[in-house]
PDB file of all heavy atoms in Angstrom:
ATOM      1  N   GLY A   1     -53.554 104.979 -31.783  1.00  0.00           N
ATOM      2  CA  GLY A   1     -53.146 103.619 -31.475  1.00  0.00           C
ATOM      3  C   GLY A   1     -53.949 103.036 -30.334  1.00  0.00           C
ATOM      4  O   GLY A   1     -54.818 103.693 -29.757  1.00  0.00           O
ATOM      5  N   ILE A   2     -53.655 101.790 -30.016  1.00  0.00           N
ATOM      6  CA  ILE A   2     -54.195 101.130 -28.825  1.00  0.00           C
ATOM      7  C   ILE A   2     -53.016 100.995 -27.867  1.00  0.00           C
ATOM      8  O   ILE A   2     -52.140 100.142 -28.060  1.00  0.00           O
ATOM      9  CB  ILE A   2     -54.786  99.751 -29.161  1.00  0.00           C
ATOM     10  CG1 ILE A   2     -55.906  99.880 -30.193  1.00  0.00           C
ATOM     11  CG2 ILE A   2     -55.297  99.060 -27.889  1.00  0.00           C
ATOM     12  CD1 ILE A   2     -56.426  98.542 -30.702  1.00  0.00           C
ATOM     13  N   ALA A   3     -52.966 101.867 -26.872  1.00  0.00           N
ATOM     14  CA  ALA A   3     -51.827 101.907 -25.958  1.00  0.00           C
ATOM     15  C   ALA A   3     -51.983 100.867 -24.853  1.00  0.00           C
ATOM     16  O   ALA A   3     -52.982 100.845 -24.142  1.00  0.00           O
ATOM     17  CB  ALA A   3     -51.686 103.299 -25.351  1.00  0.00           C
ATOM     18  N   VAL A   4     -50.980 100.004 -24.730  1.00  0.00           N
ATOM     19  CA  VAL A   4     -50.960  98.975 -23.695  1.00  0.00           C
ATOM     20  C   VAL A   4     -49.768  99.233 -22.783  1.00  0.00           C
ATOM     21  O   VAL A   4     -48.618  99.195 -23.225  1.00  0.00           O
ATOM     22  CB  VAL A   4     -50.854  97.562 -24.300  1.00  0.00           C
ATOM     23  CG1 VAL A   4     -50.814  96.509 -23.186  1.00  0.00           C
ATOM     24  CG2 VAL A   4     -52.005  97.291 -25.255  1.00  0.00           C
ATOM     25  N   TRP A   5     -50.049  99.530 -21.511  1.00  0.00           N
ATOM     26  CA  TRP A   5     -48.982  99.738 -20.541  1.00  0.00           C
ATOM     27  C   TRP A   5     -48.598  98.400 -19.931  1.00  0.00           C
ATOM     28  O   TRP A   5     -49.360  97.794 -19.193  1.00  0.00           O
ATOM     29  CB  TRP A   5     -49.458 100.706 -19.458  1.00  0.00           C
ATOM     30  CG  TRP A   5     -48.533 100.857 -18.280  1.00  0.00           C
ATOM     31  CD1 TRP A   5     -47.181 100.635 -18.254  1.00  0.00           C
ATOM     32  CD2 TRP A   5     -48.893 101.255 -16.946  1.00  0.00           C
ATOM     33  NE1 TRP A   5     -46.674 100.873 -16.990  1.00  0.00           N
ATOM     34  CE2 TRP A   5     -47.694 101.261 -16.173  1.00  0.00           C
ATOM     35  CE3 TRP A   5     -50.103 101.620 -16.348  1.00  0.00           C
ATOM     36  CZ2 TRP A   5     -47.695 101.601 -14.821  1.00  0.00           C
ATOM     37  CZ3 TRP A   5     -50.099 101.964 -15.002  1.00  0.00           C
ATOM     38  CH2 TRP A   5     -48.914 101.952 -14.254  1.00  0.00           C
ATOM     39  N   LEU A   6     -47.403  97.931 -20.251  1.00  0.00           N
ATOM     40  CA  LEU A   6     -46.847  96.745 -19.623  1.00  0.00           C
ATOM     41  C   LEU A   6     -46.096  97.202 -18.375  1.00  0.00           C
ATOM     42  O   LEU A   6     -45.202  98.045 -18.454  1.00  0.00           O
ATOM     43  CB  LEU A   6     -45.897  96.012 -20.573  1.00  0.00           C
ATOM     44  CG  LEU A   6     -46.543  95.168 -21.668  1.00  0.00           C
ATOM     45  CD1 LEU A   6     -45.464  94.522 -22.543  1.00  0.00           C
ATOM     46  CD2 LEU A   6     -47.432  94.083 -21.072  1.00  0.00           C
ATOM     47  N   ASP A   7     -46.456  96.630 -17.253  1.00  0.00           N
ATOM     48  CA  ASP A   7     -45.927  97.063 -15.967  1.00  0.00           C
ATOM     49  C   ASP A   7     -45.241  95.892 -15.268  1.00  0.00           C
ATOM     50  O   ASP A   7     -45.531  94.722 -15.560  1.00  0.00           O
ATOM     51  CB  ASP A   7     -47.092  97.589 -15.119  1.00  0.00           C
ATOM     52  CG  ASP A   7     -46.648  98.349 -13.890  1.00  0.00           C
ATOM     53  OD1 ASP A   7     -45.449  98.656 -13.771  1.00  0.00           O
ATOM     54  OD2 ASP A   7     -47.521  98.648 -13.050  1.00  0.00           O
ATOM     55  N   ALA A   8     -44.320  96.189 -14.371  1.00  0.00           N
ATOM     56  CA  ALA A   8     -43.646  95.154 -13.595  1.00  0.00           C
ATOM     57  C   ALA A   8     -43.142  95.746 -12.289  1.00  0.00           C
ATOM     58  O   ALA A   8     -42.934  96.959 -12.189  1.00  0.00           O
ATOM     59  CB  ALA A   8     -42.482  94.550 -14.389  1.00  0.00           C
ATOM     60  N   GLU A   9     -42.940  94.886 -11.303  1.00  0.00           N
ATOM     61  CA  GLU A   9     -42.382  95.324 -10.027  1.00  0.00           C
ATOM     62  C   GLU A   9     -40.915  95.721 -10.213  1.00  0.00           C
ATOM     63  O   GLU A   9     -40.237  95.249 -11.132  1.00  0.00           O
ATOM     64  CB  GLU A   9     -42.494  94.212  -8.985  1.00  0.00           C
ATOM     65  CG  GLU A   9     -43.915  93.759  -8.678  1.00  0.00           C
ATOM     66  CD  GLU A   9     -44.749  94.841  -8.012  1.00  0.00           C
ATOM     67  OE1 GLU A   9     -44.146  95.787  -7.445  1.00  0.00           O
ATOM     68  OE2 GLU A   9     -45.987  94.757  -8.061  1.00  0.00           O
ATOM     69  N   LEU A  10     -40.428  96.581  -9.333  1.00  0.00           N
ATOM     70  CA  LEU A  10     -39.057  97.074  -9.438  1.00  0.00           C
ATOM     71  C   LEU A  10     -38.042  95.937  -9.424  1.00  0.00           C
ATOM     72  O   LEU A  10     -37.077  95.948 -10.205  1.00  0.00           O
ATOM     73  CB  LEU A  10     -38.766  98.055  -8.300  1.00  0.00           C
ATOM     74  CG  LEU A  10     -37.358  98.663  -8.268  1.00  0.00           C
ATOM     75  CD1 LEU A  10     -37.048  99.403  -9.564  1.00  0.00           C
ATOM     76  CD2 LEU A  10     -37.211  99.590  -7.061  1.00  0.00           C
ATOM     77  N   ASP A  11     -38.226  94.943  -8.562  1.00  0.00           N
ATOM     78  CA  ASP A  11     -37.283  93.822  -8.503  1.00  0.00           C
ATOM     79  C   ASP A  11     -37.172  93.122  -9.851  1.00  0.00           C
ATOM     80  O   ASP A  11     -36.083  92.718 -10.270  1.00  0.00           O
ATOM     81  CB  ASP A  11     -37.710  92.813  -7.433  1.00  0.00           C
ATOM     82  CG  ASP A  11     -37.450  93.311  -6.022  1.00  0.00           C
ATOM     83  OD1 ASP A  11     -36.680  94.278  -5.871  1.00  0.00           O
ATOM     84  OD2 ASP A  11     -38.021  92.736  -5.073  1.00  0.00           O
ATOM     85  N   THR A  12     -38.297  92.968 -10.522  1.00  0.00           N
ATOM     86  CA  THR A  12     -38.308  92.324 -11.830  1.00  0.00           C
ATOM     87  C   THR A  12     -37.540  93.161 -12.845  1.00  0.00           C
ATOM     88  O   THR A  12     -36.755  92.629 -13.645  1.00  0.00           O
ATOM     89  CB  THR A  12     -39.755  92.122 -12.316  1.00  0.00           C
ATOM     90  OG1 THR A  12     -40.456  91.305 -11.373  1.00  0.00           O
ATOM     91  CG2 THR A  12     -39.791  91.445 -13.683  1.00  0.00           C
ATOM     92  N   LEU A  13     -37.734  94.471 -12.817  1.00  0.00           N
ATOM     93  CA  LEU A  13     -37.037  95.359 -13.752  1.00  0.00           C
ATOM     94  C   LEU A  13     -35.533  95.321 -13.520  1.00  0.00           C
ATOM     95  O   LEU A  13     -34.752  95.287 -14.476  1.00  0.00           O
ATOM     96  CB  LEU A  13     -37.549  96.792 -13.595  1.00  0.00           C
ATOM     97  CG  LEU A  13     -39.019  97.038 -13.925  1.00  0.00           C
ATOM     98  CD1 LEU A  13     -39.374  98.499 -13.663  1.00  0.00           C
ATOM     99  CD2 LEU A  13     -39.326  96.674 -15.381  1.00  0.00           C
ATOM    100  N   VAL A  14     -35.124  95.325 -12.253  1.00  0.00           N
ATOM    101  CA  VAL A  14     -33.690  95.280 -11.929  1.00  0.00           C
ATOM    102  C   VAL A  14     -33.070  93.993 -12.452  1.00  0.00           C
ATOM    103  O   VAL A  14     -31.990  94.001 -13.073  1.00  0.00           O
ATOM    104  CB  VAL A  14     -33.474  95.411 -10.407  1.00  0.00           C
ATOM    105  CG1 VAL A  14     -32.007  95.169 -10.050  1.00  0.00           C
ATOM    106  CG2 VAL A  14     -33.906  96.790  -9.923  1.00  0.00           C
ATOM    107  N   GLU A  15     -33.753  92.890 -12.224  1.00  0.00           N
ATOM    108  CA  GLU A  15     -33.220  91.586 -12.661  1.00  0.00           C
ATOM    109  C   GLU A  15     -33.126  91.507 -14.182  1.00  0.00           C
ATOM    110  O   GLU A  15     -32.124  91.039 -14.728  1.00  0.00           O
ATOM    111  CB  GLU A  15     -34.125  90.475 -12.110  1.00  0.00           C
ATOM    112  CG  GLU A  15     -33.567  89.074 -12.275  1.00  0.00           C
ATOM    113  CD  GLU A  15     -33.910  88.458 -13.625  1.00  0.00           C
ATOM    114  OE1 GLU A  15     -34.995  88.759 -14.143  1.00  0.00           O
ATOM    115  OE2 GLU A  15     -33.088  87.685 -14.158  1.00  0.00           O
ATOM    116  N   ARG A  16     -34.142  91.984 -14.875  1.00  0.00           N
ATOM    117  CA  ARG A  16     -34.158  91.872 -16.334  1.00  0.00           C
ATOM    118  C   ARG A  16     -33.166  92.823 -17.001  1.00  0.00           C
ATOM    119  O   ARG A  16     -32.491  92.447 -17.966  1.00  0.00           O
ATOM    120  CB  ARG A  16     -35.570  92.131 -16.859  1.00  0.00           C
ATOM    121  CG  ARG A  16     -36.562  91.021 -16.548  1.00  0.00           C
ATOM    122  CD  ARG A  16     -37.937  91.374 -17.053  1.00  0.00           C
ATOM    123  NE  ARG A  16     -38.914  90.336 -16.799  1.00  0.00           N
ATOM    124  CZ  ARG A  16     -40.217  90.456 -17.033  1.00  0.00           C
ATOM    125  NH1 ARG A  16     -40.693  91.594 -17.528  1.00  0.00           N
ATOM    126  NH2 ARG A  16     -41.044  89.461 -16.776  1.00  0.00           N
ATOM    127  N   THR A  17     -33.088  94.056 -16.523  1.00  0.00           N
ATOM    128  CA  THR A  17     -32.184  95.018 -17.154  1.00  0.00           C
ATOM    129  C   THR A  17     -30.719  94.664 -16.925  1.00  0.00           C
ATOM    130  O   THR A  17     -29.850  95.082 -17.693  1.00  0.00           O
ATOM    131  CB  THR A  17     -32.442  96.451 -16.652  1.00  0.00           C
ATOM    132  OG1 THR A  17     -32.365  96.477 -15.223  1.00  0.00           O
ATOM    133  CG2 THR A  17     -33.816  96.944 -17.095  1.00  0.00           C
ATOM    134  N   ALA A  18     -30.437  93.884 -15.889  1.00  0.00           N
ATOM    135  CA  ALA A  18     -29.057  93.477 -15.620  1.00  0.00           C
ATOM    136  C   ALA A  18     -28.518  92.539 -16.695  1.00  0.00           C
ATOM    137  O   ALA A  18     -27.301  92.338 -16.802  1.00  0.00           O
ATOM    138  CB  ALA A  18     -28.964  92.813 -14.242  1.00  0.00           C
ATOM    139  N   ARG A  19     -29.410  91.970 -17.495  1.00  0.00           N
ATOM    140  CA  ARG A  19     -28.989  91.034 -18.542  1.00  0.00           C
ATOM    141  C   ARG A  19     -28.360  91.741 -19.732  1.00  0.00           C
ATOM    142  O   ARG A  19     -27.699  91.123 -20.550  1.00  0.00           O
ATOM    143  CB  ARG A  19     -30.195  90.210 -19.017  1.00  0.00           C
ATOM    144  CG  ARG A  19     -30.885  89.402 -17.928  1.00  0.00           C
ATOM    145  CD  ARG A  19     -32.170  88.796 -18.451  1.00  0.00           C
ATOM    146  NE  ARG A  19     -32.998  88.228 -17.386  1.00  0.00           N
ATOM    147  CZ  ARG A  19     -34.256  87.828 -17.566  1.00  0.00           C
ATOM    148  NH1 ARG A  19     -34.825  87.946 -18.760  1.00  0.00           N
ATOM    149  NH2 ARG A  19     -34.944  87.330 -16.555  1.00  0.00           N
ATOM    150  N   LYS A  20     -28.608  93.051 -19.859  1.00  0.00           N
ATOM    151  CA  LYS A  20     -28.074  93.811 -20.992  1.00  0.00           C
ATOM    152  C   LYS A  20     -27.273  95.009 -20.483  1.00  0.00           C
ATOM    153  O   LYS A  20     -27.691  95.663 -19.539  1.00  0.00           O
ATOM    154  CB  LYS A  20     -29.212  94.304 -21.899  1.00  0.00           C
ATOM    155  CG  LYS A  20     -29.977  93.199 -22.592  1.00  0.00           C
ATOM    156  CD  LYS A  20     -31.124  93.757 -23.421  1.00  0.00           C
ATOM    157  CE  LYS A  20     -30.636  94.605 -24.569  1.00  0.00           C
ATOM    158  NZ  LYS A  20     -31.757  95.072 -25.435  1.00  0.00           N
ATOM    159  N   GLU A  21     -26.163  95.284 -21.137  1.00  0.00           N
ATOM    160  CA  GLU A  21     -25.327  96.407 -20.735  1.00  0.00           C
ATOM    161  C   GLU A  21     -25.422  97.555 -21.731  1.00  0.00           C
ATOM    162  O   GLU A  21     -24.486  98.330 -21.891  1.00  0.00           O
ATOM    163  CB  GLU A  21     -23.875  95.946 -20.578  1.00  0.00           C
ATOM    164  CG  GLU A  21     -23.685  94.901 -19.481  1.00  0.00           C
ATOM    165  CD  GLU A  21     -22.241  94.479 -19.312  1.00  0.00           C
ATOM    166  OE1 GLU A  21     -21.398  94.952 -20.108  1.00  0.00           O
ATOM    167  OE2 GLU A  21     -21.955  93.687 -18.394  1.00  0.00           O
ATOM    168  N   THR A  22     -26.550  97.641 -22.419  1.00  0.00           N
ATOM    169  CA  THR A  22     -26.717  98.668 -23.450  1.00  0.00           C
ATOM    170  C   THR A  22     -27.815  99.654 -23.071  1.00  0.00           C
ATOM    171  O   THR A  22     -28.510 100.179 -23.934  1.00  0.00           O
ATOM    172  CB  THR A  22     -27.059  98.008 -24.804  1.00  0.00           C
ATOM    173  OG1 THR A  22     -28.246  97.197 -24.645  1.00  0.00           O
ATOM    174  CG2 THR A  22     -25.914  97.152 -25.301  1.00  0.00           C
ATOM    175  N   ARG A  23     -27.981  99.917 -21.786  1.00  0.00           N
ATOM    176  CA  ARG A  23     -28.995 100.845 -21.307  1.00  0.00           C
ATOM    177  C   ARG A  23     -28.318 102.150 -20.905  1.00  0.00           C
ATOM    178  O   ARG A  23     -27.756 102.261 -19.812  1.00  0.00           O
ATOM    179  CB  ARG A  23     -29.726 100.267 -20.093  1.00  0.00           C
ATOM    180  CG  ARG A  23     -30.202  98.820 -20.243  1.00  0.00           C
ATOM    181  CD  ARG A  23     -31.524  98.736 -20.928  1.00  0.00           C
ATOM    182  NE  ARG A  23     -32.056  97.374 -20.888  1.00  0.00           N
ATOM    183  CZ  ARG A  23     -33.207  97.002 -21.414  1.00  0.00           C
ATOM    184  NH1 ARG A  23     -33.962  97.908 -22.015  1.00  0.00           N
ATOM    185  NH2 ARG A  23     -33.619  95.761 -21.340  1.00  0.00           N
ATOM    186  N   PRO A  24     -28.325 103.165 -21.769  1.00  0.00           N
ATOM    187  CA  PRO A  24     -27.572 104.389 -21.452  1.00  0.00           C
ATOM    188  C   PRO A  24     -28.024 105.088 -20.179  1.00  0.00           C
ATOM    189  O   PRO A  24     -27.207 105.692 -19.476  1.00  0.00           O
ATOM    190  CB  PRO A  24     -27.796 105.272 -22.685  1.00  0.00           C
ATOM    191  CG  PRO A  24     -28.946 104.675 -23.416  1.00  0.00           C
ATOM    192  CD  PRO A  24     -28.931 103.220 -23.101  1.00  0.00           C
ATOM    193  N   LEU A  25     -29.306 105.012 -19.841  1.00  0.00           N
ATOM    194  CA  LEU A  25     -29.781 105.694 -18.641  1.00  0.00           C
ATOM    195  C   LEU A  25     -29.336 104.989 -17.360  1.00  0.00           C
ATOM    196  O   LEU A  25     -29.424 105.561 -16.273  1.00  0.00           O
ATOM    197  CB  LEU A  25     -31.309 105.801 -18.671  1.00  0.00           C
ATOM    198  CG  LEU A  25     -31.901 106.717 -19.749  1.00  0.00           C
ATOM    199  CD1 LEU A  25     -33.421 106.728 -19.660  1.00  0.00           C
ATOM    200  CD2 LEU A  25     -31.359 108.143 -19.600  1.00  0.00           C
ATOM    201  N   LEU A  26     -28.853 103.755 -17.479  1.00  0.00           N
ATOM    202  CA  LEU A  26     -28.402 103.001 -16.313  1.00  0.00           C
ATOM    203  C   LEU A  26     -26.880 102.930 -16.220  1.00  0.00           C
ATOM    204  O   LEU A  26     -26.343 102.272 -15.330  1.00  0.00           O
ATOM    205  CB  LEU A  26     -28.963 101.569 -16.340  1.00  0.00           C
ATOM    206  CG  LEU A  26     -30.486 101.421 -16.375  1.00  0.00           C
ATOM    207  CD1 LEU A  26     -30.872  99.943 -16.354  1.00  0.00           C
ATOM    208  CD2 LEU A  26     -31.143 102.167 -15.235  1.00  0.00           C
ATOM    209  N   ALA A  27     -26.206 103.607 -17.152  1.00  0.00           N
ATOM    210  CA  ALA A  27     -24.754 103.469 -17.252  1.00  0.00           C
ATOM    211  C   ALA A  27     -24.003 104.171 -16.124  1.00  0.00           C
ATOM    212  O   ALA A  27     -22.869 103.804 -15.805  1.00  0.00           O
ATOM    213  CB  ALA A  27     -24.276 104.005 -18.600  1.00  0.00           C
ATOM    214  N   HIS A  28     -24.624 105.174 -15.506  1.00  0.00           N
ATOM    215  CA  HIS A  28     -23.916 105.952 -14.497  1.00  0.00           C
ATOM    216  C   HIS A  28     -24.754 106.038 -13.223  1.00  0.00           C
ATOM    217  O   HIS A  28     -25.680 106.837 -13.129  1.00  0.00           O
ATOM    218  CB  HIS A  28     -23.611 107.356 -15.020  1.00  0.00           C
ATOM    219  CG  HIS A  28     -22.873 107.361 -16.326  1.00  0.00           C
ATOM    220  ND1 HIS A  28     -21.546 107.002 -16.435  1.00  0.00           N
ATOM    221  CD2 HIS A  28     -23.303 107.659 -17.588  1.00  0.00           C
ATOM    222  CE1 HIS A  28     -21.169 107.095 -17.694  1.00  0.00           C
ATOM    223  NE2 HIS A  28     -22.217 107.481 -18.414  1.00  0.00           N
ATOM    224  N   GLY A  29     -24.449 105.183 -12.277  1.00  0.00           N
ATOM    225  CA  GLY A  29     -25.181 105.195 -11.021  1.00  0.00           C
ATOM    226  C   GLY A  29     -25.690 103.817 -10.647  1.00  0.00           C
ATOM    227  O   GLY A  29     -25.421 102.811 -11.323  1.00  0.00           O
ATOM    228  N   ASN A  30     -26.432 103.765  -9.560  1.00  0.00           N
ATOM    229  CA  ASN A  30     -26.999 102.509  -9.069  1.00  0.00           C
ATOM    230  C   ASN A  30     -28.262 102.172  -9.863  1.00  0.00           C
ATOM    231  O   ASN A  30     -29.236 102.936  -9.816  1.00  0.00           O
ATOM    232  CB  ASN A  30     -27.337 102.661  -7.576  1.00  0.00           C
ATOM    233  CG  ASN A  30     -27.889 101.387  -6.974  1.00  0.00           C
ATOM    234  OD1 ASN A  30     -28.952 100.933  -7.359  1.00  0.00           O
ATOM    235  ND2 ASN A  30     -27.159 100.835  -6.019  1.00  0.00           N
ATOM    236  N   PRO A  31     -28.253 101.057 -10.599  1.00  0.00           N
ATOM    237  CA  PRO A  31     -29.395 100.733 -11.456  1.00  0.00           C
ATOM    238  C   PRO A  31     -30.728 100.680 -10.715  1.00  0.00           C
ATOM    239  O   PRO A  31     -31.750 101.156 -11.218  1.00  0.00           O
ATOM    240  CB  PRO A  31     -29.026  99.367 -12.048  1.00  0.00           C
ATOM    241  CG  PRO A  31     -27.535  99.357 -12.032  1.00  0.00           C
ATOM    242  CD  PRO A  31     -27.149 100.103 -10.785  1.00  0.00           C
ATOM    243  N   ARG A  32     -30.729 100.107  -9.507  1.00  0.00           N
ATOM    244  CA  ARG A  32     -31.988 100.020  -8.743  1.00  0.00           C
ATOM    245  C   ARG A  32     -32.512 101.415  -8.407  1.00  0.00           C
ATOM    246  O   ARG A  32     -33.715 101.675  -8.547  1.00  0.00           O
ATOM    247  CB  ARG A  32     -31.793  99.202  -7.470  1.00  0.00           C
ATOM    248  CG  ARG A  32     -32.998  99.245  -6.514  1.00  0.00           C
ATOM    249  CD  ARG A  32     -32.786  98.368  -5.300  1.00  0.00           C
ATOM    250  NE  ARG A  32     -32.956  96.969  -5.659  1.00  0.00           N
ATOM    251  CZ  ARG A  32     -34.123  96.339  -5.693  1.00  0.00           C
ATOM    252  NH1 ARG A  32     -35.249  97.003  -5.412  1.00  0.00           N
ATOM    253  NH2 ARG A  32     -34.199  95.072  -6.019  1.00  0.00           N
ATOM    254  N   GLU A  33     -31.631 102.304  -7.964  1.00  0.00           N
ATOM    255  CA  GLU A  33     -32.061 103.648  -7.622  1.00  0.00           C
ATOM    256  C   GLU A  33     -32.560 104.398  -8.853  1.00  0.00           C
ATOM    257  O   GLU A  33     -33.566 105.111  -8.797  1.00  0.00           O
ATOM    258  CB  GLU A  33     -30.902 104.413  -6.976  1.00  0.00           C
ATOM    259  CG  GLU A  33     -30.515 103.877  -5.606  1.00  0.00           C
ATOM    260  CD  GLU A  33     -29.333 104.624  -5.010  1.00  0.00           C
ATOM    261  OE1 GLU A  33     -28.804 105.535  -5.687  1.00  0.00           O
ATOM    262  OE2 GLU A  33     -28.930 104.283  -3.876  1.00  0.00           O
ATOM    263  N   ILE A  34     -31.853 104.236  -9.979  1.00  0.00           N
ATOM    264  CA  ILE A  34     -32.250 104.918 -11.216  1.00  0.00           C
ATOM    265  C   ILE A  34     -33.592 104.389 -11.702  1.00  0.00           C
ATOM    266  O   ILE A  34     -34.497 105.161 -12.061  1.00  0.00           O
ATOM    267  CB  ILE A  34     -31.171 104.751 -12.301  1.00  0.00           C
ATOM    268  CG1 ILE A  34     -29.878 105.441 -11.872  1.00  0.00           C
ATOM    269  CG2 ILE A  34     -31.661 105.325 -13.641  1.00  0.00           C
ATOM    270  CD1 ILE A  34     -28.694 105.141 -12.770  1.00  0.00           C
ATOM    271  N   LEU A  35     -33.751 103.070 -11.710  1.00  0.00           N
ATOM    272  CA  LEU A  35     -35.008 102.474 -12.162  1.00  0.00           C
ATOM    273  C   LEU A  35     -36.165 102.883 -11.258  1.00  0.00           C
ATOM    274  O   LEU A  35     -37.270 103.167 -11.739  1.00  0.00           O
ATOM    275  CB  LEU A  35     -34.881 100.946 -12.211  1.00  0.00           C
ATOM    276  CG  LEU A  35     -34.077 100.374 -13.375  1.00  0.00           C
ATOM    277  CD1 LEU A  35     -33.752  98.904 -13.127  1.00  0.00           C
ATOM    278  CD2 LEU A  35     -34.840 100.532 -14.684  1.00  0.00           C
ATOM    279  N   GLY A  36     -35.925 102.893  -9.944  1.00  0.00           N
ATOM    280  CA  GLY A  36     -36.978 103.299  -9.016  1.00  0.00           C
ATOM    281  C   GLY A  36     -37.411 104.737  -9.256  1.00  0.00           C
ATOM    282  O   GLY A  36     -38.608 105.045  -9.254  1.00  0.00           O
ATOM    283  N   ARG A  37     -36.443 105.619  -9.475  1.00  0.00           N
ATOM    284  CA  ARG A  37     -36.771 107.025  -9.734  1.00  0.00           C
ATOM    285  C   ARG A  37     -37.521 107.176 -11.053  1.00  0.00           C
ATOM    286  O   ARG A  37     -38.542 107.878 -11.119  1.00  0.00           O
ATOM    287  CB  ARG A  37     -35.489 107.858  -9.765  1.00  0.00           C
ATOM    288  CG  ARG A  37     -35.704 109.317 -10.190  1.00  0.00           C
ATOM    289  CD  ARG A  37     -34.430 110.107 -10.151  1.00  0.00           C
ATOM    290  NE  ARG A  37     -33.374 109.508 -10.950  1.00  0.00           N
ATOM    291  CZ  ARG A  37     -33.291 109.635 -12.279  1.00  0.00           C
ATOM    292  NH1 ARG A  37     -34.208 110.309 -12.956  1.00  0.00           N
ATOM    293  NH2 ARG A  37     -32.291 109.083 -12.936  1.00  0.00           N
ATOM    294  N   LEU A  38     -37.036 106.526 -12.114  1.00  0.00           N
ATOM    295  CA  LEU A  38     -37.697 106.618 -13.411  1.00  0.00           C
ATOM    296  C   LEU A  38     -39.117 106.060 -13.356  1.00  0.00           C
ATOM    297  O   LEU A  38     -40.045 106.612 -13.943  1.00  0.00           O
ATOM    298  CB  LEU A  38     -36.891 105.870 -14.479  1.00  0.00           C
ATOM    299  CG  LEU A  38     -35.559 106.492 -14.899  1.00  0.00           C
ATOM    300  CD1 LEU A  38     -34.810 105.561 -15.835  1.00  0.00           C
ATOM    301  CD2 LEU A  38     -35.786 107.844 -15.564  1.00  0.00           C
ATOM    302  N   LYS A  39     -39.274 104.970 -12.623  1.00  0.00           N
ATOM    303  CA  LYS A  39     -40.604 104.355 -12.500  1.00  0.00           C
ATOM    304  C   LYS A  39     -41.580 105.329 -11.825  1.00  0.00           C
ATOM    305  O   LYS A  39     -42.715 105.493 -12.289  1.00  0.00           O
ATOM    306  CB  LYS A  39     -40.500 103.051 -11.705  1.00  0.00           C
ATOM    307  CG  LYS A  39     -41.706 102.126 -11.802  1.00  0.00           C
ATOM    308  CD  LYS A  39     -41.383 100.782 -11.147  1.00  0.00           C
ATOM    309  CE  LYS A  39     -42.455  99.748 -11.439  1.00  0.00           C
ATOM    310  NZ  LYS A  39     -43.758 100.073 -10.831  1.00  0.00           N
ATOM    311  N   ARG A  40     -41.139 105.973 -10.757  1.00  0.00           N
ATOM    312  CA  ARG A  40     -41.996 106.940 -10.058  1.00  0.00           C
ATOM    313  C   ARG A  40     -42.324 108.136 -10.952  1.00  0.00           C
ATOM    314  O   ARG A  40     -43.464 108.613 -10.978  1.00  0.00           O
ATOM    315  CB  ARG A  40     -41.315 107.423  -8.774  1.00  0.00           C
ATOM    316  CG  ARG A  40     -41.226 106.381  -7.680  1.00  0.00           C
ATOM    317  CD  ARG A  40     -40.782 107.016  -6.359  1.00  0.00           C
ATOM    318  NE  ARG A  40     -39.471 107.662  -6.484  1.00  0.00           N
ATOM    319  CZ  ARG A  40     -38.318 107.032  -6.296  1.00  0.00           C
ATOM    320  NH1 ARG A  40     -38.295 105.743  -5.995  1.00  0.00           N
ATOM    321  NH2 ARG A  40     -37.173 107.692  -6.384  1.00  0.00           N
ATOM    322  N   GLU A  41     -41.316 108.619 -11.672  1.00  0.00           N
ATOM    323  CA  GLU A  41     -41.514 109.794 -12.513  1.00  0.00           C
ATOM    324  C   GLU A  41     -42.409 109.507 -13.714  1.00  0.00           C
ATOM    325  O   GLU A  41     -43.188 110.367 -14.146  1.00  0.00           O
ATOM    326  CB  GLU A  41     -40.163 110.316 -13.013  1.00  0.00           C
ATOM    327  CG  GLU A  41     -39.287 110.899 -11.926  1.00  0.00           C
ATOM    328  CD  GLU A  41     -37.894 111.267 -12.407  1.00  0.00           C
ATOM    329  OE1 GLU A  41     -37.547 110.908 -13.565  1.00  0.00           O
ATOM    330  OE2 GLU A  41     -37.147 111.902 -11.648  1.00  0.00           O
ATOM    331  N   ARG A  42     -42.321 108.301 -14.255  1.00  0.00           N
ATOM    332  CA  ARG A  42     -43.025 107.996 -15.500  1.00  0.00           C
ATOM    333  C   ARG A  42     -44.417 107.417 -15.303  1.00  0.00           C
ATOM    334  O   ARG A  42     -45.239 107.473 -16.219  1.00  0.00           O
ATOM    335  CB  ARG A  42     -42.177 107.025 -16.342  1.00  0.00           C
ATOM    336  CG  ARG A  42     -40.894 107.655 -16.858  1.00  0.00           C
ATOM    337  CD  ARG A  42     -40.017 106.632 -17.561  1.00  0.00           C
ATOM    338  NE  ARG A  42     -38.833 107.255 -18.163  1.00  0.00           N
ATOM    339  CZ  ARG A  42     -37.906 106.583 -18.822  1.00  0.00           C
ATOM    340  NH1 ARG A  42     -38.003 105.261 -18.927  1.00  0.00           N
ATOM    341  NH2 ARG A  42     -36.862 107.223 -19.345  1.00  0.00           N
ATOM    342  N   GLU A  43     -44.696 106.860 -14.141  1.00  0.00           N
ATOM    343  CA  GLU A  43     -45.994 106.214 -13.942  1.00  0.00           C
ATOM    344  C   GLU A  43     -47.188 107.140 -14.176  1.00  0.00           C
ATOM    345  O   GLU A  43     -48.203 106.698 -14.718  1.00  0.00           O
ATOM    346  CB  GLU A  43     -46.062 105.552 -12.564  1.00  0.00           C
ATOM    347  CG  GLU A  43     -45.355 104.214 -12.548  1.00  0.00           C
ATOM    348  CD  GLU A  43     -45.561 103.433 -11.255  1.00  0.00           C
ATOM    349  OE1 GLU A  43     -46.100 104.021 -10.291  1.00  0.00           O
ATOM    350  OE2 GLU A  43     -45.187 102.247 -11.227  1.00  0.00           O
ATOM    351  N   PRO A  44     -47.138 108.432 -13.808  1.00  0.00           N
ATOM    352  CA  PRO A  44     -48.281 109.304 -14.116  1.00  0.00           C
ATOM    353  C   PRO A  44     -48.579 109.390 -15.618  1.00  0.00           C
ATOM    354  O   PRO A  44     -49.737 109.616 -15.997  1.00  0.00           O
ATOM    355  CB  PRO A  44     -47.840 110.665 -13.557  1.00  0.00           C
ATOM    356  CG  PRO A  44     -46.866 110.341 -12.481  1.00  0.00           C
ATOM    357  CD  PRO A  44     -46.127 109.136 -12.984  1.00  0.00           C
TER     358      PRO A  44
END
């Protein structure tokens, strides 16, 4: 395939994901902390 990494700042991700309540990985805990951790872990 042609892989395109779409990236965004953490604040943007927090604001956008708050619009939907169907994110299982964000269901238990602080969404900002979870998103920040996932972003750090997945960026490599």
